[in-house]
């Protein structure tokens, strides 16, 4: 641990990795002038005499006044963000110079998100797990504070690292476009890009805000569902859009967001939004709930997403190799499982055929098995074509996604097979109970025969998977246990009832056993004779 450079407060730490290699130093240092601004603000809040314009002007100057060879350190960024959060608490819409306040506030945000601070944000993410998401949250609070008090307030601020627009929706003609690329006053970086957001006008709202963040892709965590993924990367600007008053319900018409990609070598686009944590002890993460991929054009380098709510949007992507294998595995599993189930259906159809036509010489077994393969292939091909492989493979498993609804391409055929085979089992039991041999048995004997028939047919007909279909969430955990137990013994039950206890197999084994015994005995007799002859010749 070392002291910070002259003019800074805090300390510098450096840790060793598990392999014993020194990592980059962590500068938990704060410029004295920035810390003084924060302290003065806290004191002014106690007296109620806060000059917001002066505080923001000072903070904006201090966060932008860096040497060519230096940048804002972790302490600088954290204290600056805390200062901005305190300002949100005291800012009022009737401030005389609200436009200057907004511009200074956004300028400070622009400074904190400058490209030169990227490494500082990365260190902060590695150290605390939190990155520029705190800036997004603070900015959202600032804009909300203004627009919920004055819906007619208009501002359009274009900086080097972000573009902001706040305006009433009175002039909306059918749909809102953000940003308006052909309009003057927009920074060149924002005007020249293909990023855009389109949303239908809503008569229940008064105003809107839109923000496009240029550099935060490397300054914010790529964690999803509270799980950090080293492979996932933000591969386009973050776009924020909100209506005021806030719409808490699902949008009537979805919002469409087009992203122009930074790195076209990445693949597996995921439409996501930043989901704030409800607990102070846990971190936010990127979620795809309510969002879906509409288009991914690798040649045009654009991804188009559709979401049913408003917030901070981004597109996450990853190298295609870890994910392509998982996708291929999910497709293969989908095909194999469907073949197994359609094979069970073929078994059920064959059983019903033999019951209906016991004397028929036609054997439909082979055509039924071929049909099971064909049906499985058709379903998988349609699913792959319709989904464009989106939903084949998730972060948790190389299987079909429940969030995109692709899982129904497996569940629906399975349910059909289970229902049909169940009907066949009932039909077989009913037919069996109506035979002359069964009519001579007592009720107890018929019940035993029916139970044995059920135990024999359930495993091979796939009926145990009925519990698997019912075990779709934590509320049905009892079905999960039943499904796991029955399916664990499925192979054993098939072996016992269809091999060990099968009369045809037992008869065939008995015949073969007799042949083995006769062959062994014949060999023993002939061997004995040869030995006797040899003994005689010797003597």
Foldseek 3Di string as FASTA:
>chain_A
DAADPPQKHDGKDWDADPVGHIDDIAPLIARPQLVVLLVVQVVCVVVVNDDLLVSLVSLLCVLQPDDPPDHGHLNHLVSSLVSLLSCLVNDAQVDVPVQSSVQSSVSSLCSSLDPVCLVRLLVVCVVPVFFCVSVQVSVVSNVCRNCQVPVADWDWDEDPFKTKTKHWCPVPDQKDKPPPLVDPPHDPVVNVFPKMKIDTDDPVFTMKMKMWGARCQSGGFQAAPLHGDPFKTFFFIKMFMATPVGDPDWAPFWMKIKTAGNDLQWDDKAKWFWDADPDPVGGIHTYRFQKDWDDDDSVRRMTMMTGRHGGIITIMTGRCPVPVVLLVVQLVVQLVVQLLQLLLLLVLVQVLVCLVCVPDPDRCNVVSSVVSNVVSVVLSVVLCVVRVSVQQGDPVGRHGHVSVPSCCSRVVSNVVLLVVSVVSLVVVLVSVCPDPVNVPDDPVVSVVVSVLSCLQSCLSSVNLCVLVSVCPDPVSVVSVVSSVVCVVCSVVSNCCNVAVVDPVNVVVVVVVVVVVVVVVVVVVVVVVVVVVVVVVVVD
